[in-house]
Amino acid sequence: MKNLLLTIFSFVLASGTVAAQDAMRAGKVEMEITKVKGGGMKGMMMKGSEQVLYFNDEYERMYMSMAKGMVKMDVLKTKADNSALMLTGGMMLGKKMVRMTGDNREGENEQPEYTLTYDEKDTKTIHGYLCQKAVFKADGVEMHVYYTHEIDYENNPIKEQFPDLEGFPLEYTITIIEEKMSMTYSTTSVSAVNPSDFELSTEGYEELTQEEAKELFKGIGQ
């Protein structure tokens, strides 16, 4: 859990997207952990976790709810000035808020060493989008990804960890070898985005510094 939260926080620090010509440039993609194998109680807690990505030419937003709603995060990025607002929720994090400007969002995430192979013959159609398969192998982790070139939004936690990935992932299975656990994120919906999807209320949230937020996420995994 700790490593996952720090990876998501690194997503907040990262910036930039890769454009794809003639692809969907604005939308809402909802994903859910639909399959979990192994992991005992931890695996049971992760099943049903949600991830929702919103994007258009002005904003990017990622909402996540994990561990049966006990960990929630909502990140809104403004492309014009490269600023970000992160809100947390749930019993394990509480209502916290972190504001970051373009000046203090220098990426600090260390990318793992990994190998990447593509299998263009292994394809499937997910919600009308043609996807191809890629396989990542890193220290203790293996990931099978079905990605598409038909969605123009690549700034996501997978792209942050594995920048060589082409396209947008619509399905991926992560296997943590040491824990003998695998989780599959499946896309449940691809739809239009509304202007109101990029409006977040900060009422009732305690503001933290960037360093305080990092310590908060580290503490969750201890």
Protein backbone atom coordinates (compact mmCIF):
# COMPACT_ATOMS: atom_id res chain seq x y z
CA MET A 1 0.00 0.00 0.00
CA LYS A 2 2.80 2.42 0.87
CA ASN A 3 4.59 2.00 -2.45
CA LEU A 4 1.32 2.44 -4.34
CA LEU A 5 0.53 5.71 -2.55
CA LEU A 6 4.01 7.09 -3.19
CA THR A 7 3.67 6.17 -6.86
CA ILE A 8 0.41 8.10 -7.05
CA PHE A 9 2.04 11.06 -5.31
CA SER A 10 4.79 10.94 -7.95
CA PHE A 11 2.03 11.22 -10.56
CA VAL A 12 1.10 14.54 -8.97
CA LEU A 13 4.70 15.76 -9.25
CA ALA A 14 5.06 14.67 -12.86
CA SER A 15 3.88 16.82 -15.75
CA GLY A 16 3.13 16.67 -19.44
CA THR A 17 1.18 14.43 -21.79
CA VAL A 18 1.98 12.86 -25.12
CA ALA A 19 -0.33 13.87 -27.94
CA ALA A 20 -1.79 11.35 -30.33
CA GLN A 21 -3.20 12.60 -33.62
CA ASP A 22 -6.89 11.85 -34.33
CA ALA A 23 -7.42 10.34 -30.86
CA MET A 24 -10.00 11.19 -28.21
CA ARG A 25 -8.77 14.40 -26.54
CA ALA A 26 -11.41 14.83 -23.83
CA GLY A 27 -13.21 12.22 -21.80
CA LYS A 28 -13.77 10.25 -18.63
CA VAL A 29 -12.36 6.75 -18.11
CA GLU A 30 -13.55 4.69 -15.13
CA MET A 31 -11.57 1.64 -13.99
CA GLU A 32 -11.98 -0.91 -11.20
CA ILE A 33 -9.98 -3.77 -9.73
CA THR A 34 -12.20 -6.60 -10.90
CA LYS A 35 -9.93 -9.57 -10.20
CA VAL A 36 -7.59 -10.32 -7.29
CA LYS A 37 -5.64 -13.53 -6.80
CA GLY A 38 -3.81 -14.24 -3.54
CA GLY A 39 -2.68 -11.61 -1.07
CA GLY A 40 -4.95 -12.76 1.75
CA MET A 41 -6.73 -9.95 3.56
CA LYS A 42 -4.78 -7.29 1.62
CA GLY A 43 -6.04 -8.73 -1.64
CA MET A 44 -9.60 -8.79 -0.38
CA MET A 45 -9.32 -5.14 0.64
CA MET A 46 -8.02 -4.09 -2.79
CA LYS A 47 -10.80 -5.74 -4.81
CA GLY A 48 -13.34 -3.18 -5.97
CA SER A 49 -10.90 -0.25 -5.75
CA GLU A 50 -11.76 2.46 -8.27
CA GLN A 51 -9.81 4.83 -10.49
CA VAL A 52 -11.44 7.58 -12.57
CA LEU A 53 -9.47 9.71 -15.04
CA TYR A 54 -10.85 12.97 -16.47
CA PHE A 55 -9.08 14.99 -19.15
CA ASN A 56 -9.49 17.79 -21.68
CA ASP A 57 -7.25 20.47 -23.21
CA GLU A 58 -7.20 22.53 -19.98
CA TYR A 59 -7.27 20.08 -17.07
CA GLU A 60 -6.39 16.58 -15.92
CA ARG A 61 -7.98 14.88 -12.93
CA MET A 62 -7.48 11.50 -11.28
CA TYR A 63 -9.75 10.15 -8.54
CA MET A 64 -8.92 6.94 -6.66
CA SER A 65 -10.73 5.03 -3.93
CA MET A 66 -8.88 2.04 -2.43
CA ALA A 67 -9.16 -0.40 0.46
CA LYS A 68 -12.96 -0.34 0.53
CA GLY A 69 -12.99 3.48 0.59
CA MET A 70 -10.55 3.84 3.50
CA VAL A 71 -8.03 5.59 1.21
CA LYS A 72 -9.24 8.24 -1.23
CA MET A 73 -7.30 10.67 -3.41
CA ASP A 74 -8.42 13.30 -5.90
CA VAL A 75 -5.83 15.16 -8.00
CA LEU A 76 -6.62 18.09 -10.30
CA LYS A 77 -3.94 19.53 -12.58
CA THR A 78 -4.15 22.80 -14.51
CA LYS A 79 -2.15 22.61 -17.73
CA ALA A 80 -1.74 26.35 -18.28
CA ASP A 81 0.46 26.94 -15.21
CA ASN A 82 1.38 23.32 -14.37
CA SER A 83 -0.19 23.62 -10.91
CA ALA A 84 -1.95 20.84 -9.01
CA LEU A 85 -4.44 20.41 -6.18
CA MET A 86 -4.61 17.12 -4.30
CA LEU A 87 -7.38 16.19 -1.87
CA THR A 88 -7.36 13.07 0.30
CA GLY A 89 -10.15 11.33 2.17
CA GLY A 90 -11.16 8.12 3.87
CA MET A 91 -10.41 6.81 7.34
CA MET A 92 -6.70 6.17 6.72
CA LEU A 93 -5.79 9.59 5.29
CA GLY A 94 -8.47 11.99 6.49
CA LYS A 95 -9.48 15.20 4.72
CA LYS A 96 -6.14 16.73 3.69
CA MET A 97 -5.23 19.16 0.92
CA VAL A 98 -1.95 19.87 -0.89
CA ARG A 99 -1.45 22.71 -3.37
CA MET A 100 1.51 22.66 -5.74
CA THR A 101 2.68 25.25 -8.25
CA GLY A 102 4.70 24.57 -11.36
CA ASP A 103 7.83 25.66 -9.48
CA ASN A 104 7.60 23.00 -6.75
CA ARG A 105 6.39 20.12 -8.89
CA GLU A 106 9.77 18.91 -10.04
CA GLY A 107 9.56 15.12 -10.47
CA GLU A 108 11.27 13.25 -7.66
CA ASN A 109 10.13 9.78 -8.55
CA GLU A 110 12.85 7.20 -9.22
CA GLN A 111 11.83 4.95 -12.08
CA PRO A 112 12.60 1.25 -11.61
CA GLU A 113 14.75 -0.67 -14.04
CA TYR A 114 12.51 -2.75 -16.23
CA THR A 115 12.16 -4.62 -19.50
CA LEU A 116 9.32 -3.97 -21.93
CA THR A 117 8.08 -6.20 -24.72
CA TYR A 118 5.19 -5.67 -27.13
CA ASP A 119 2.97 -8.37 -28.58
CA GLU A 120 1.12 -6.70 -31.44
CA LYS A 121 -0.58 -9.97 -32.35
CA ASP A 122 -2.29 -10.12 -28.94
CA THR A 123 -5.15 -7.64 -29.31
CA LYS A 124 -8.59 -7.06 -27.87
CA THR A 125 -11.29 -4.42 -28.18
CA ILE A 126 -12.24 -2.69 -24.93
CA HIS A 127 -15.27 -0.38 -24.97
CA GLY A 128 -14.83 0.06 -28.71
CA TYR A 129 -11.08 0.83 -28.60
CA LEU A 130 -8.58 -1.48 -30.25
CA CYS A 131 -5.87 -2.45 -27.76
CA GLN A 132 -2.53 -4.22 -28.04
CA LYS A 133 -0.57 -6.00 -25.33
CA ALA A 134 2.64 -4.95 -23.58
CA VAL A 135 4.49 -6.79 -20.80
CA PHE A 136 6.66 -5.07 -18.19
CA LYS A 137 9.05 -6.89 -15.90
CA ALA A 138 10.76 -5.10 -13.02
CA ASP A 139 12.28 -6.22 -9.72
CA GLY A 140 9.59 -8.33 -8.06
CA VAL A 141 6.78 -7.06 -10.31
CA GLU A 142 5.30 -8.13 -13.62
CA MET A 143 2.61 -6.19 -15.45
CA HIS A 144 0.50 -7.14 -18.48
CA VAL A 145 -1.10 -4.11 -20.14
CA TYR A 146 -3.63 -3.70 -22.93
CA TYR A 147 -3.19 -0.19 -24.32
CA THR A 148 -4.75 1.88 -27.11
CA HIS A 149 -3.51 4.69 -29.34
CA GLU A 150 -7.07 5.97 -29.72
CA ILE A 151 -7.18 7.94 -26.45
CA ASP A 152 -5.01 11.06 -26.18
CA TYR A 153 -4.21 10.96 -22.46
CA GLU A 154 -1.05 9.29 -21.25
CA ASN A 155 -0.26 11.08 -17.98
CA ASN A 156 -1.18 8.29 -15.55
CA PRO A 157 0.60 6.32 -12.79
CA ILE A 158 1.67 3.55 -15.18
CA LYS A 159 3.20 6.03 -17.62
CA GLU A 160 5.02 7.72 -14.72
CA GLN A 161 6.62 4.46 -13.62
CA PHE A 162 7.17 3.04 -17.12
CA PRO A 163 7.60 6.02 -19.49
CA ASP A 164 8.33 3.85 -22.55
CA LEU A 165 4.75 2.58 -22.67
CA GLU A 166 2.97 3.54 -25.87
CA GLY A 167 -0.65 4.66 -25.68
CA PHE A 168 -3.26 4.65 -22.93
CA PRO A 169 -3.86 1.54 -20.75
CA LEU A 170 -7.45 0.31 -20.64
CA GLU A 171 -6.69 -2.92 -18.81
CA TYR A 172 -3.71 -4.08 -16.80
CA THR A 173 -2.78 -6.88 -14.44
CA ILE A 174 -0.10 -6.31 -11.81
CA THR A 175 1.58 -9.33 -10.22
CA ILE A 176 3.59 -8.77 -7.03
CA ILE A 177 5.80 -11.84 -6.98
CA GLU A 178 6.93 -11.75 -3.33
CA GLU A 179 3.36 -11.45 -2.07
CA LYS A 180 2.04 -13.97 -4.64
CA MET A 181 -0.74 -11.52 -5.45
CA SER A 182 -2.11 -10.21 -8.73
CA MET A 183 -4.68 -7.46 -9.37
CA THR A 184 -6.48 -6.65 -12.62
CA TYR A 185 -7.70 -3.12 -13.37
CA SER A 186 -10.49 -3.21 -15.96
CA THR A 187 -12.14 -0.26 -17.69
CA THR A 188 -15.82 -0.15 -16.78
CA SER A 189 -16.80 2.99 -18.71
CA VAL A 190 -15.51 5.50 -21.28
CA SER A 191 -17.70 8.59 -21.59
CA ALA A 192 -17.82 12.34 -22.21
CA VAL A 193 -16.49 14.76 -19.61
CA ASN A 194 -18.39 17.76 -18.17
CA PRO A 195 -16.92 21.14 -17.07
CA SER A 196 -18.19 20.46 -13.54
CA ASP A 197 -15.94 17.39 -13.36
CA PHE A 198 -12.98 19.75 -12.94
CA GLU A 199 -14.46 21.70 -10.00
CA LEU A 200 -13.25 20.51 -6.57
CA SER A 201 -14.44 21.96 -3.25
CA THR A 202 -11.74 22.44 -0.59
CA GLU A 203 -14.14 23.24 2.25
CA GLY A 204 -13.27 21.37 5.44
CA TYR A 205 -9.82 20.18 4.31
CA GLU A 206 -6.62 20.61 6.33
CA GLU A 207 -3.81 22.01 4.18
CA LEU A 208 -0.44 20.21 4.20
CA THR A 209 2.91 20.98 2.64
CA GLN A 210 4.32 18.68 -0.01
CA GLU A 211 6.76 17.17 2.50
CA GLU A 212 4.02 16.62 5.09
CA ALA A 213 1.98 14.77 2.45
CA LYS A 214 4.90 12.44 1.67
CA GLU A 215 5.26 11.57 5.36
CA LEU A 216 1.53 10.92 5.59
CA PHE A 217 1.69 8.39 2.73
CA LYS A 218 4.77 6.70 4.17
CA GLY A 219 2.98 6.23 7.47
CA ILE A 220 0.09 4.37 5.83
CA GLY A 221 2.36 1.49 4.85
CA GLN A 222 3.98 1.08 8.27
